[in-house]
Amino acid sequence: MYYPVSALLMECLILSVAESKDSYGYEISQTVKRVANIQESTLYPILRKLEQSGFFTTYSQEYQGRRRKYYHITDAGRRQLQFLKQEWAAYRDEIDAILKGAPHHE
């Protein structure tokens, strides 16, 4: 997609991927790549930041002979995700209003 994705929107997307089930880094990156051009070298620092902020816990699990690091969203992460979703909806609604030619407010 042409439009850049902000850091906060990237956090919202990453938290959303892990909301329904624990996910590992590559799985998260493949989902997020549907809307954002993100490299693993960009993704992992964001995952670390979310973990350090208490929004994720992690654990390792073996899969086909290799260890994968899984990200589990915490209650704090769910609250942050809800906040970010509300902010996104308000932002999207304002943009949609402008694109539809709604009069501006002063």
PDB file of N, CA and C in Angstrom:
ATOM      1  N   MET A   1       0.830  -1.172   0.000  1.00  0.00           N
ATOM      2  CA  MET A   1       0.000   0.000   0.000  1.00  0.00           C
ATOM      3  C   MET A   1       0.878   1.240   0.000  1.00  0.00           C
ATOM      4  N   TYR A   2       0.331   2.293  -0.517  1.00  0.00           N
ATOM      5  CA  TYR A   2       1.091   3.517  -0.702  1.00  0.00           C
ATOM      6  C   TYR A   2       1.264   4.327   0.572  1.00  0.00           C
ATOM      7  N   TYR A   3       0.261   4.329   1.435  1.00  0.00           N
ATOM      8  CA  TYR A   3       0.301   5.178   2.619  1.00  0.00           C
ATOM      9  C   TYR A   3       1.204   4.580   3.691  1.00  0.00           C
ATOM     10  N   PRO A   4       2.059   5.420   4.283  1.00  0.00           N
ATOM     11  CA  PRO A   4       2.936   4.916   5.351  1.00  0.00           C
ATOM     12  C   PRO A   4       2.143   4.591   6.610  1.00  0.00           C
ATOM     13  N   VAL A   5       2.687   3.690   7.388  1.00  0.00           N
ATOM     14  CA  VAL A   5       2.052   3.273   8.632  1.00  0.00           C
ATOM     15  C   VAL A   5       2.842   3.871   9.793  1.00  0.00           C
ATOM     16  N   SER A   6       2.154   4.583  10.667  1.00  0.00           N
ATOM     17  CA  SER A   6       2.825   5.208  11.806  1.00  0.00           C
ATOM     18  C   SER A   6       3.258   4.147  12.812  1.00  0.00           C
ATOM     19  N   ALA A   7       4.125   4.544  13.716  1.00  0.00           N
ATOM     20  CA  ALA A   7       4.606   3.619  14.742  1.00  0.00           C
ATOM     21  C   ALA A   7       3.462   3.138  15.621  1.00  0.00           C
ATOM     22  N   LEU A   8       2.541   4.039  15.989  1.00  0.00           N
ATOM     23  CA  LEU A   8       1.420   3.630  16.837  1.00  0.00           C
ATOM     24  C   LEU A   8       0.473   2.692  16.103  1.00  0.00           C
ATOM     25  N   LEU A   9       0.245   2.951  14.828  1.00  0.00           N
ATOM     26  CA  LEU A   9      -0.608   2.046  14.066  1.00  0.00           C
ATOM     27  C   LEU A   9       0.069   0.683  13.931  1.00  0.00           C
ATOM     28  N   MET A  10       1.385   0.674  13.793  1.00  0.00           N
ATOM     29  CA  MET A  10       2.129  -0.587  13.724  1.00  0.00           C
ATOM     30  C   MET A  10       1.952  -1.364  15.032  1.00  0.00           C
ATOM     31  N   GLU A  11       2.037  -0.679  16.161  1.00  0.00           N
ATOM     32  CA  GLU A  11       1.812  -1.342  17.451  1.00  0.00           C
ATOM     33  C   GLU A  11       0.403  -1.907  17.523  1.00  0.00           C
ATOM     34  N   CYS A  12      -0.572  -1.136  17.048  1.00  0.00           N
ATOM     35  CA  CYS A  12      -1.962  -1.592  17.047  1.00  0.00           C
ATOM     36  C   CYS A  12      -2.112  -2.852  16.209  1.00  0.00           C
ATOM     37  N   LEU A  13      -1.500  -2.875  15.034  1.00  0.00           N
ATOM     38  CA  LEU A  13      -1.578  -4.046  14.158  1.00  0.00           C
ATOM     39  C   LEU A  13      -0.931  -5.267  14.812  1.00  0.00           C
ATOM     40  N   ILE A  14       0.240  -5.071  15.404  1.00  0.00           N
ATOM     41  CA  ILE A  14       0.958  -6.180  16.030  1.00  0.00           C
ATOM     42  C   ILE A  14       0.164  -6.738  17.210  1.00  0.00           C
ATOM     43  N   LEU A  15      -0.356  -5.857  18.049  1.00  0.00           N
ATOM     44  CA  LEU A  15      -1.170  -6.322  19.174  1.00  0.00           C
ATOM     45  C   LEU A  15      -2.426  -7.042  18.675  1.00  0.00           C
ATOM     46  N   SER A  16      -3.002  -6.547  17.593  1.00  0.00           N
ATOM     47  CA  SER A  16      -4.210  -7.172  17.033  1.00  0.00           C
ATOM     48  C   SER A  16      -3.949  -8.587  16.546  1.00  0.00           C
ATOM     49  N   VAL A  17      -2.794  -8.804  15.936  1.00  0.00           N
ATOM     50  CA  VAL A  17      -2.458 -10.143  15.439  1.00  0.00           C
ATOM     51  C   VAL A  17      -2.420 -11.132  16.598  1.00  0.00           C
ATOM     52  N   ALA A  18      -1.856 -10.697  17.722  1.00  0.00           N
ATOM     53  CA  ALA A  18      -1.700 -11.600  18.867  1.00  0.00           C
ATOM     54  C   ALA A  18      -2.919 -11.610  19.794  1.00  0.00           C
ATOM     55  N   GLU A  19      -3.925 -10.818  19.478  1.00  0.00           N
ATOM     56  CA  GLU A  19      -5.086 -10.736  20.373  1.00  0.00           C
ATOM     57  C   GLU A  19      -5.840 -12.060  20.450  1.00  0.00           C
ATOM     58  N   SER A  20      -6.044 -12.724  19.333  1.00  0.00           N
ATOM     59  CA  SER A  20      -6.871 -13.935  19.329  1.00  0.00           C
ATOM     60  C   SER A  20      -6.087 -15.200  19.644  1.00  0.00           C
ATOM     61  N   LYS A  21      -4.773 -15.181  19.355  1.00  0.00           N
ATOM     62  CA  LYS A  21      -3.956 -16.357  19.676  1.00  0.00           C
ATOM     63  C   LYS A  21      -2.497 -15.939  19.774  1.00  0.00           C
ATOM     64  N   ASP A  22      -1.736 -16.655  20.576  1.00  0.00           N
ATOM     65  CA  ASP A  22      -0.308 -16.393  20.683  1.00  0.00           C
ATOM     66  C   ASP A  22       0.324 -16.555  19.310  1.00  0.00           C
ATOM     67  N   SER A  23       1.262 -15.672  18.984  1.00  0.00           N
ATOM     68  CA  SER A  23       1.877 -15.682  17.659  1.00  0.00           C
ATOM     69  C   SER A  23       3.386 -15.534  17.785  1.00  0.00           C
ATOM     70  N   TYR A  24       4.092 -16.011  16.779  1.00  0.00           N
ATOM     71  CA  TYR A  24       5.551 -15.852  16.747  1.00  0.00           C
ATOM     72  C   TYR A  24       5.900 -14.769  15.737  1.00  0.00           C
ATOM     73  N   GLY A  25       7.122 -14.263  15.809  1.00  0.00           N
ATOM     74  CA  GLY A  25       7.537 -13.101  15.035  1.00  0.00           C
ATOM     75  C   GLY A  25       7.269 -13.189  13.547  1.00  0.00           C
ATOM     76  N   TYR A  26       7.656 -14.289  12.918  1.00  0.00           N
ATOM     77  CA  TYR A  26       7.477 -14.399  11.474  1.00  0.00           C
ATOM     78  C   TYR A  26       5.995 -14.361  11.112  1.00  0.00           C
ATOM     79  N   GLU A  27       5.169 -15.041  11.898  1.00  0.00           N
ATOM     80  CA  GLU A  27       3.723 -15.042  11.652  1.00  0.00           C
ATOM     81  C   GLU A  27       3.162 -13.618  11.756  1.00  0.00           C
ATOM     82  N   ILE A  28       3.591 -12.881  12.769  1.00  0.00           N
ATOM     83  CA  ILE A  28       3.154 -11.500  12.936  1.00  0.00           C
ATOM     84  C   ILE A  28       3.582 -10.670  11.739  1.00  0.00           C
ATOM     85  N   SER A  29       4.838 -10.815  11.330  1.00  0.00           N
ATOM     86  CA  SER A  29       5.349 -10.006  10.220  1.00  0.00           C
ATOM     87  C   SER A  29       4.595 -10.287   8.926  1.00  0.00           C
ATOM     88  N   GLN A  30       4.266 -11.528   8.677  1.00  0.00           N
ATOM     89  CA  GLN A  30       3.552 -11.867   7.438  1.00  0.00           C
ATOM     90  C   GLN A  30       2.149 -11.268   7.415  1.00  0.00           C
ATOM     91  N   THR A  31       1.507 -11.210   8.554  1.00  0.00           N
ATOM     92  CA  THR A  31       0.170 -10.605   8.620  1.00  0.00           C
ATOM     93  C   THR A  31       0.266  -9.099   8.444  1.00  0.00           C
ATOM     94  N   VAL A  32       1.195  -8.470   9.151  1.00  0.00           N
ATOM     95  CA  VAL A  32       1.340  -7.018   9.090  1.00  0.00           C
ATOM     96  C   VAL A  32       1.787  -6.583   7.689  1.00  0.00           C
ATOM     97  N   LYS A  33       2.564  -7.398   7.010  1.00  0.00           N
ATOM     98  CA  LYS A  33       3.053  -7.055   5.669  1.00  0.00           C
ATOM     99  C   LYS A  33       1.920  -6.906   4.650  1.00  0.00           C
ATOM    100  N   ARG A  34       0.735  -7.382   4.990  1.00  0.00           N
ATOM    101  CA  ARG A  34      -0.404  -7.196   4.072  1.00  0.00           C
ATOM    102  C   ARG A  34      -0.726  -5.719   3.897  1.00  0.00           C
ATOM    103  N   VAL A  35      -0.407  -4.892   4.900  1.00  0.00           N
ATOM    104  CA  VAL A  35      -0.728  -3.467   4.815  1.00  0.00           C
ATOM    105  C   VAL A  35       0.476  -2.555   5.021  1.00  0.00           C
ATOM    106  N   ALA A  36       1.592  -3.095   5.445  1.00  0.00           N
ATOM    107  CA  ALA A  36       2.758  -2.260   5.734  1.00  0.00           C
ATOM    108  C   ALA A  36       4.017  -2.950   5.242  1.00  0.00           C
ATOM    109  N   ASN A  37       4.905  -2.163   4.695  1.00  0.00           N
ATOM    110  CA  ASN A  37       6.184  -2.692   4.240  1.00  0.00           C
ATOM    111  C   ASN A  37       7.132  -2.707   5.432  1.00  0.00           C
ATOM    112  N   ILE A  38       7.090  -3.800   6.190  1.00  0.00           N
ATOM    113  CA  ILE A  38       7.905  -3.895   7.407  1.00  0.00           C
ATOM    114  C   ILE A  38       8.937  -5.010   7.252  1.00  0.00           C
ATOM    115  N   GLN A  39      10.132  -4.715   7.677  1.00  0.00           N
ATOM    116  CA  GLN A  39      11.202  -5.696   7.667  1.00  0.00           C
ATOM    117  C   GLN A  39      11.298  -6.309   9.063  1.00  0.00           C
ATOM    118  N   GLU A  40      11.840  -7.524   9.134  1.00  0.00           N
ATOM    119  CA  GLU A  40      12.020  -8.148  10.442  1.00  0.00           C
ATOM    120  C   GLU A  40      12.907  -7.291  11.338  1.00  0.00           C
ATOM    121  N   SER A  41      13.877  -6.576  10.728  1.00  0.00           N
ATOM    122  CA  SER A  41      14.771  -5.727  11.517  1.00  0.00           C
ATOM    123  C   SER A  41      14.020  -4.549  12.143  1.00  0.00           C
ATOM    124  N   THR A  42      12.864  -4.213  11.621  1.00  0.00           N
ATOM    125  CA  THR A  42      12.015  -3.174  12.201  1.00  0.00           C
ATOM    126  C   THR A  42      11.026  -3.784  13.180  1.00  0.00           C
ATOM    127  N   LEU A  43      10.523  -4.954  12.853  1.00  0.00           N
ATOM    128  CA  LEU A  43       9.498  -5.601  13.670  1.00  0.00           C
ATOM    129  C   LEU A  43       9.999  -5.982  15.057  1.00  0.00           C
ATOM    130  N   TYR A  44      11.159  -6.612  15.135  1.00  0.00           N
ATOM    131  CA  TYR A  44      11.622  -7.146  16.419  1.00  0.00           C
ATOM    132  C   TYR A  44      11.886  -6.075  17.475  1.00  0.00           C
ATOM    133  N   PRO A  45      12.415  -4.897  17.117  1.00  0.00           N
ATOM    134  CA  PRO A  45      12.514  -3.849  18.133  1.00  0.00           C
ATOM    135  C   PRO A  45      11.142  -3.395  18.655  1.00  0.00           C
ATOM    136  N   ILE A  46      10.132  -3.385  17.801  1.00  0.00           N
ATOM    137  CA  ILE A  46       8.783  -3.023  18.247  1.00  0.00           C
ATOM    138  C   ILE A  46       8.244  -4.104  19.183  1.00  0.00           C
ATOM    139  N   LEU A  47       8.465  -5.366  18.840  1.00  0.00           N
ATOM    140  CA  LEU A  47       8.043  -6.459  19.712  1.00  0.00           C
ATOM    141  C   LEU A  47       8.725  -6.365  21.074  1.00  0.00           C
ATOM    142  N   ARG A  48      10.029  -6.057  21.076  1.00  0.00           N
ATOM    143  CA  ARG A  48      10.761  -5.893  22.340  1.00  0.00           C
ATOM    144  C   ARG A  48      10.182  -4.742  23.159  1.00  0.00           C
ATOM    145  N   LYS A  49       9.889  -3.632  22.491  1.00  0.00           N
ATOM    146  CA  LYS A  49       9.312  -2.473  23.176  1.00  0.00           C
ATOM    147  C   LYS A  49       7.958  -2.826  23.789  1.00  0.00           C
ATOM    148  N   LEU A  50       7.126  -3.544  23.046  1.00  0.00           N
ATOM    149  CA  LEU A  50       5.815  -3.951  23.557  1.00  0.00           C
ATOM    150  C   LEU A  50       5.971  -4.904  24.745  1.00  0.00           C
ATOM    151  N   GLU A  51       6.969  -5.772  24.677  1.00  0.00           N
ATOM    152  CA  GLU A  51       7.226  -6.683  25.796  1.00  0.00           C
ATOM    153  C   GLU A  51       7.717  -5.899  27.019  1.00  0.00           C
ATOM    154  N   GLN A  52       8.652  -4.975  26.816  1.00  0.00           N
ATOM    155  CA  GLN A  52       9.185  -4.179  27.921  1.00  0.00           C
ATOM    156  C   GLN A  52       8.122  -3.282  28.540  1.00  0.00           C
ATOM    157  N   SER A  53       7.130  -2.897  27.751  1.00  0.00           N
ATOM    158  CA  SER A  53       6.025  -2.064  28.248  1.00  0.00           C
ATOM    159  C   SER A  53       4.975  -2.882  28.988  1.00  0.00           C
ATOM    160  N   GLY A  54       5.148  -4.206  28.997  1.00  0.00           N
ATOM    161  CA  GLY A  54       4.214  -5.073  29.694  1.00  0.00           C
ATOM    162  C   GLY A  54       2.999  -5.467  28.874  1.00  0.00           C
ATOM    163  N   PHE A  55       3.036  -5.218  27.568  1.00  0.00           N
ATOM    164  CA  PHE A  55       1.907  -5.541  26.700  1.00  0.00           C
ATOM    165  C   PHE A  55       1.980  -6.971  26.157  1.00  0.00           C
ATOM    166  N   PHE A  56       3.152  -7.569  26.217  1.00  0.00           N
ATOM    167  CA  PHE A  56       3.366  -8.959  25.810  1.00  0.00           C
ATOM    168  C   PHE A  56       4.174  -9.680  26.871  1.00  0.00           C
ATOM    169  N   THR A  57       3.921 -10.968  27.017  1.00  0.00           N
ATOM    170  CA  THR A  57       4.869 -11.872  27.658  1.00  0.00           C
ATOM    171  C   THR A  57       5.303 -12.821  26.558  1.00  0.00           C
ATOM    172  N   THR A  58       6.413 -13.498  26.761  1.00  0.00           N
ATOM    173  CA  THR A  58       6.916 -14.401  25.729  1.00  0.00           C
ATOM    174  C   THR A  58       7.244 -15.764  26.334  1.00  0.00           C
ATOM    175  N   TYR A  59       7.256 -16.745  25.469  1.00  0.00           N
ATOM    176  CA  TYR A  59       7.702 -18.085  25.836  1.00  0.00           C
ATOM    177  C   TYR A  59       8.218 -18.758  24.574  1.00  0.00           C
ATOM    178  N   SER A  60       9.072 -19.757  24.762  1.00  0.00           N
ATOM    179  CA  SER A  60       9.622 -20.504  23.636  1.00  0.00           C
ATOM    180  C   SER A  60       8.949 -21.855  23.543  1.00  0.00           C
ATOM    181  N   GLN A  61       8.786 -22.290  22.308  1.00  0.00           N
ATOM    182  CA  GLN A  61       8.190 -23.602  22.063  1.00  0.00           C
ATOM    183  C   GLN A  61       8.847 -24.202  20.829  1.00  0.00           C
ATOM    184  N   GLU A  62       9.069 -25.497  20.888  1.00  0.00           N
ATOM    185  CA  GLU A  62       9.693 -26.168  19.754  1.00  0.00           C
ATOM    186  C   GLU A  62       8.660 -26.442  18.675  1.00  0.00           C
ATOM    187  N   TYR A  63       9.083 -26.214  17.419  1.00  0.00           N
ATOM    188  CA  TYR A  63       8.233 -26.499  16.258  1.00  0.00           C
ATOM    189  C   TYR A  63       9.136 -27.059  15.166  1.00  0.00           C
ATOM    190  N   GLN A  64       8.894 -28.275  14.763  1.00  0.00           N
ATOM    191  CA  GLN A  64       9.679 -28.960  13.724  1.00  0.00           C
ATOM    192  C   GLN A  64      11.179 -28.839  13.981  1.00  0.00           C
ATOM    193  N   GLY A  65      11.563 -29.092  15.224  1.00  0.00           N
ATOM    194  CA  GLY A  65      12.978 -29.115  15.586  1.00  0.00           C
ATOM    195  C   GLY A  65      13.605 -27.758  15.864  1.00  0.00           C
ATOM    196  N   ARG A  66      12.838 -26.694  15.732  1.00  0.00           N
ATOM    197  CA  ARG A  66      13.370 -25.352  15.993  1.00  0.00           C
ATOM    198  C   ARG A  66      12.565 -24.697  17.098  1.00  0.00           C
ATOM    199  N   ARG A  67      13.215 -23.794  17.826  1.00  0.00           N
ATOM    200  CA  ARG A  67      12.538 -23.071  18.898  1.00  0.00           C
ATOM    201  C   ARG A  67      11.947 -21.784  18.321  1.00  0.00           C
ATOM    202  N   ARG A  68      10.700 -21.538  18.661  1.00  0.00           N
ATOM    203  CA  ARG A  68      10.036 -20.306  18.261  1.00  0.00           C
ATOM    204  C   ARG A  68       9.701 -19.512  19.516  1.00  0.00           C
ATOM    205  N   LYS A  69       9.837 -18.208  19.422  1.00  0.00           N
ATOM    206  CA  LYS A  69       9.464 -17.319  20.520  1.00  0.00           C
ATOM    207  C   LYS A  69       8.049 -16.821  20.240  1.00  0.00           C
ATOM    208  N   TYR A  70       7.145 -17.158  21.136  1.00  0.00           N
ATOM    209  CA  TYR A  70       5.745 -16.764  20.993  1.00  0.00           C
ATOM    210  C   TYR A  70       5.446 -15.551  21.856  1.00  0.00           C
ATOM    211  N   TYR A  71       4.572 -14.712  21.341  1.00  0.00           N
ATOM    212  CA  TYR A  71       4.145 -13.498  22.032  1.00  0.00           C
ATOM    213  C   TYR A  71       2.709 -13.682  22.494  1.00  0.00           C
ATOM    214  N   HIS A  72       2.497 -13.454  23.787  1.00  0.00           N
ATOM    215  CA  HIS A  72       1.181 -13.591  24.404  1.00  0.00           C
ATOM    216  C   HIS A  72       0.756 -12.217  24.915  1.00  0.00           C
ATOM    217  N   ILE A  73      -0.390 -11.742  24.465  1.00  0.00           N
ATOM    218  CA  ILE A  73      -0.863 -10.416  24.877  1.00  0.00           C
ATOM    219  C   ILE A  73      -1.335 -10.464  26.334  1.00  0.00           C
ATOM    220  N   THR A  74      -0.951  -9.465  27.092  1.00  0.00           N
ATOM    221  CA  THR A  74      -1.320  -9.377  28.504  1.00  0.00           C
ATOM    222  C   THR A  74      -2.610  -8.553  28.646  1.00  0.00           C
ATOM    223  N   ASP A  75      -3.127  -8.490  29.865  1.00  0.00           N
ATOM    224  CA  ASP A  75      -4.295  -7.636  30.111  1.00  0.00           C
ATOM    225  C   ASP A  75      -3.966  -6.177  29.802  1.00  0.00           C
ATOM    226  N   ALA A  76      -2.763  -5.745  30.164  1.00  0.00           N
ATOM    227  CA  ALA A  76      -2.336  -4.371  29.843  1.00  0.00           C
ATOM    228  C   ALA A  76      -2.270  -4.186  28.335  1.00  0.00           C
ATOM    229  N   GLY A  77      -1.816  -5.208  27.621  1.00  0.00           N
ATOM    230  CA  GLY A  77      -1.768  -5.156  26.164  1.00  0.00           C
ATOM    231  C   GLY A  77      -3.157  -5.062  25.554  1.00  0.00           C
ATOM    232  N   ARG A  78      -4.105  -5.780  26.134  1.00  0.00           N
ATOM    233  CA  ARG A  78      -5.498  -5.704  25.651  1.00  0.00           C
ATOM    234  C   ARG A  78      -6.078  -4.312  25.887  1.00  0.00           C
ATOM    235  N   ARG A  79      -5.769  -3.708  27.027  1.00  0.00           N
ATOM    236  CA  ARG A  79      -6.241  -2.342  27.291  1.00  0.00           C
ATOM    237  C   ARG A  79      -5.611  -1.354  26.313  1.00  0.00           C
ATOM    238  N   GLN A  80      -4.311  -1.514  26.072  1.00  0.00           N
ATOM    239  CA  GLN A  80      -3.622  -0.647  25.108  1.00  0.00           C
ATOM    240  C   GLN A  80      -4.205  -0.829  23.716  1.00  0.00           C
ATOM    241  N   LEU A  81      -4.464  -2.061  23.336  1.00  0.00           N
ATOM    242  CA  LEU A  81      -5.041  -2.334  22.020  1.00  0.00           C
ATOM    243  C   LEU A  81      -6.417  -1.685  21.904  1.00  0.00           C
ATOM    244  N   GLN A  82      -7.236  -1.787  22.930  1.00  0.00           N
ATOM    245  CA  GLN A  82      -8.570  -1.167  22.898  1.00  0.00           C
ATOM    246  C   GLN A  82      -8.441   0.343  22.726  1.00  0.00           C
ATOM    247  N   PHE A  83      -7.512   0.955  23.456  1.00  0.00           N
ATOM    248  CA  PHE A  83      -7.266   2.391  23.332  1.00  0.00           C
ATOM    249  C   PHE A  83      -6.836   2.744  21.904  1.00  0.00           C
ATOM    250  N   LEU A  84      -5.878   1.995  21.370  1.00  0.00           N
ATOM    251  CA  LEU A  84      -5.387   2.280  20.022  1.00  0.00           C
ATOM    252  C   LEU A  84      -6.474   2.081  18.969  1.00  0.00           C
ATOM    253  N   LYS A  85      -7.316   1.086  19.143  1.00  0.00           N
ATOM    254  CA  LYS A  85      -8.427   0.874  18.205  1.00  0.00           C
ATOM    255  C   LYS A  85      -9.407   2.042  18.249  1.00  0.00           C
ATOM    256  N   GLN A  86      -9.699   2.552  19.439  1.00  0.00           N
ATOM    257  CA  GLN A  86     -10.599   3.707  19.558  1.00  0.00           C
ATOM    258  C   GLN A  86      -9.991   4.938  18.894  1.00  0.00           C
ATOM    259  N   GLU A  87      -8.703   5.150  19.116  1.00  0.00           N
ATOM    260  CA  GLU A  87      -8.018   6.281  18.494  1.00  0.00           C
ATOM    261  C   GLU A  87      -8.012   6.137  16.967  1.00  0.00           C
ATOM    262  N   TRP A  88      -7.767   4.922  16.486  1.00  0.00           N
ATOM    263  CA  TRP A  88      -7.767   4.679  15.044  1.00  0.00           C
ATOM    264  C   TRP A  88      -9.144   4.960  14.453  1.00  0.00           C
ATOM    265  N   ALA A  89     -10.200   4.498  15.108  1.00  0.00           N
ATOM    266  CA  ALA A  89     -11.560   4.696  14.599  1.00  0.00           C
ATOM    267  C   ALA A  89     -11.886   6.188  14.509  1.00  0.00           C
ATOM    268  N   ALA A  90     -11.510   6.957  15.526  1.00  0.00           N
ATOM    269  CA  ALA A  90     -11.760   8.399  15.504  1.00  0.00           C
ATOM    270  C   ALA A  90     -10.971   9.059  14.373  1.00  0.00           C
ATOM    271  N   TYR A  91      -9.728   8.677  14.205  1.00  0.00           N
ATOM    272  CA  TYR A  91      -8.863   9.214  13.147  1.00  0.00           C
ATOM    273  C   TYR A  91      -9.430   8.863  11.776  1.00  0.00           C
ATOM    274  N   ARG A  92      -9.799   7.607  11.598  1.00  0.00           N
ATOM    275  CA  ARG A  92     -10.362   7.141  10.324  1.00  0.00           C
ATOM    276  C   ARG A  92     -11.653   7.887  10.003  1.00  0.00           C
ATOM    277  N   ASP A  93     -12.511   8.067  11.003  1.00  0.00           N
ATOM    278  CA  ASP A  93     -13.771   8.766  10.778  1.00  0.00           C
ATOM    279  C   ASP A  93     -13.544  10.212  10.351  1.00  0.00           C
ATOM    280  N   GLU A  94     -12.565  10.871  10.947  1.00  0.00           N
ATOM    281  CA  GLU A  94     -12.254  12.250  10.561  1.00  0.00           C
ATOM    282  C   GLU A  94     -11.729  12.315   9.130  1.00  0.00           C
ATOM    283  N   ILE A  95     -10.849  11.392   8.780  1.00  0.00           N
ATOM    284  CA  ILE A  95     -10.327  11.362   7.409  1.00  0.00           C
ATOM    285  C   ILE A  95     -11.453  11.085   6.423  1.00  0.00           C
ATOM    286  N   ASP A  96     -12.313  10.110   6.740  1.00  0.00           N
ATOM    287  CA  ASP A  96     -13.439   9.797   5.859  1.00  0.00           C
ATOM    288  C   ASP A  96     -14.338  11.011   5.678  1.00  0.00           C
ATOM    289  N   ALA A  97     -14.575  11.755   6.737  1.00  0.00           N
ATOM    290  CA  ALA A  97     -15.415  12.943   6.642  1.00  0.00           C
ATOM    291  C   ALA A  97     -14.798  13.974   5.699  1.00  0.00           C
ATOM    292  N   ILE A  98     -13.496  14.165   5.811  1.00  0.00           N
ATOM    293  CA  ILE A  98     -12.807  15.107   4.918  1.00  0.00           C
ATOM    294  C   ILE A  98     -12.884  14.621   3.478  1.00  0.00           C
ATOM    295  N   LEU A  99     -12.626  13.337   3.261  1.00  0.00           N
ATOM    296  CA  LEU A  99     -12.652  12.785   1.907  1.00  0.00           C
ATOM    297  C   LEU A  99     -14.041  12.850   1.274  1.00  0.00           C
ATOM    298  N   LYS A 100     -15.064  12.805   2.108  1.00  0.00           N
ATOM    299  CA  LYS A 100     -16.442  12.886   1.613  1.00  0.00           C
ATOM    300  C   LYS A 100     -16.906  14.329   1.444  1.00  0.00           C
ATOM    301  N   GLY A 101     -16.031  15.282   1.755  1.00  0.00           N
ATOM    302  CA  GLY A 101     -16.359  16.680   1.554  1.00  0.00           C
ATOM    303  C   GLY A 101     -17.167  17.318   2.663  1.00  0.00           C
ATOM    304  N   ALA A 102     -17.107  16.746   3.854  1.00  0.00           N
ATOM    305  CA  ALA A 102     -17.833  17.336   4.981  1.00  0.00           C
ATOM    306  C   ALA A 102     -17.246  18.704   5.288  1.00  0.00           C
ATOM    307  N   PRO A 103     -18.101  19.662   5.649  1.00  0.00           N
ATOM    308  CA  PRO A 103     -17.572  20.991   5.993  1.00  0.00           C
ATOM    309  C   PRO A 103     -16.668  20.912   7.221  1.00  0.00           C
ATOM    310  N   HIS A 104     -15.666  21.760   7.241  1.00  0.00           N
ATOM    311  CA  HIS A 104     -14.739  21.745   8.380  1.00  0.00           C
ATOM    312  C   HIS A 104     -15.280  22.611   9.508  1.00  0.00           C
ATOM    313  N   HIS A 105     -14.816  22.313  10.701  1.00  0.00           N
ATOM    314  CA  HIS A 105     -15.245  23.045  11.892  1.00  0.00           C
ATOM    315  C   HIS A 105     -14.145  23.987  12.326  1.00  0.00           C
ATOM    316  N   GLU A 106     -14.533  25.156  12.764  1.00  0.00           N
ATOM    317  CA  GLU A 106     -13.525  26.123  13.234  1.00  0.00           C
ATOM    318  C   GLU A 106     -13.660  26.388  14.689  1.00  0.00           C
TER     319      GLU A 106
END
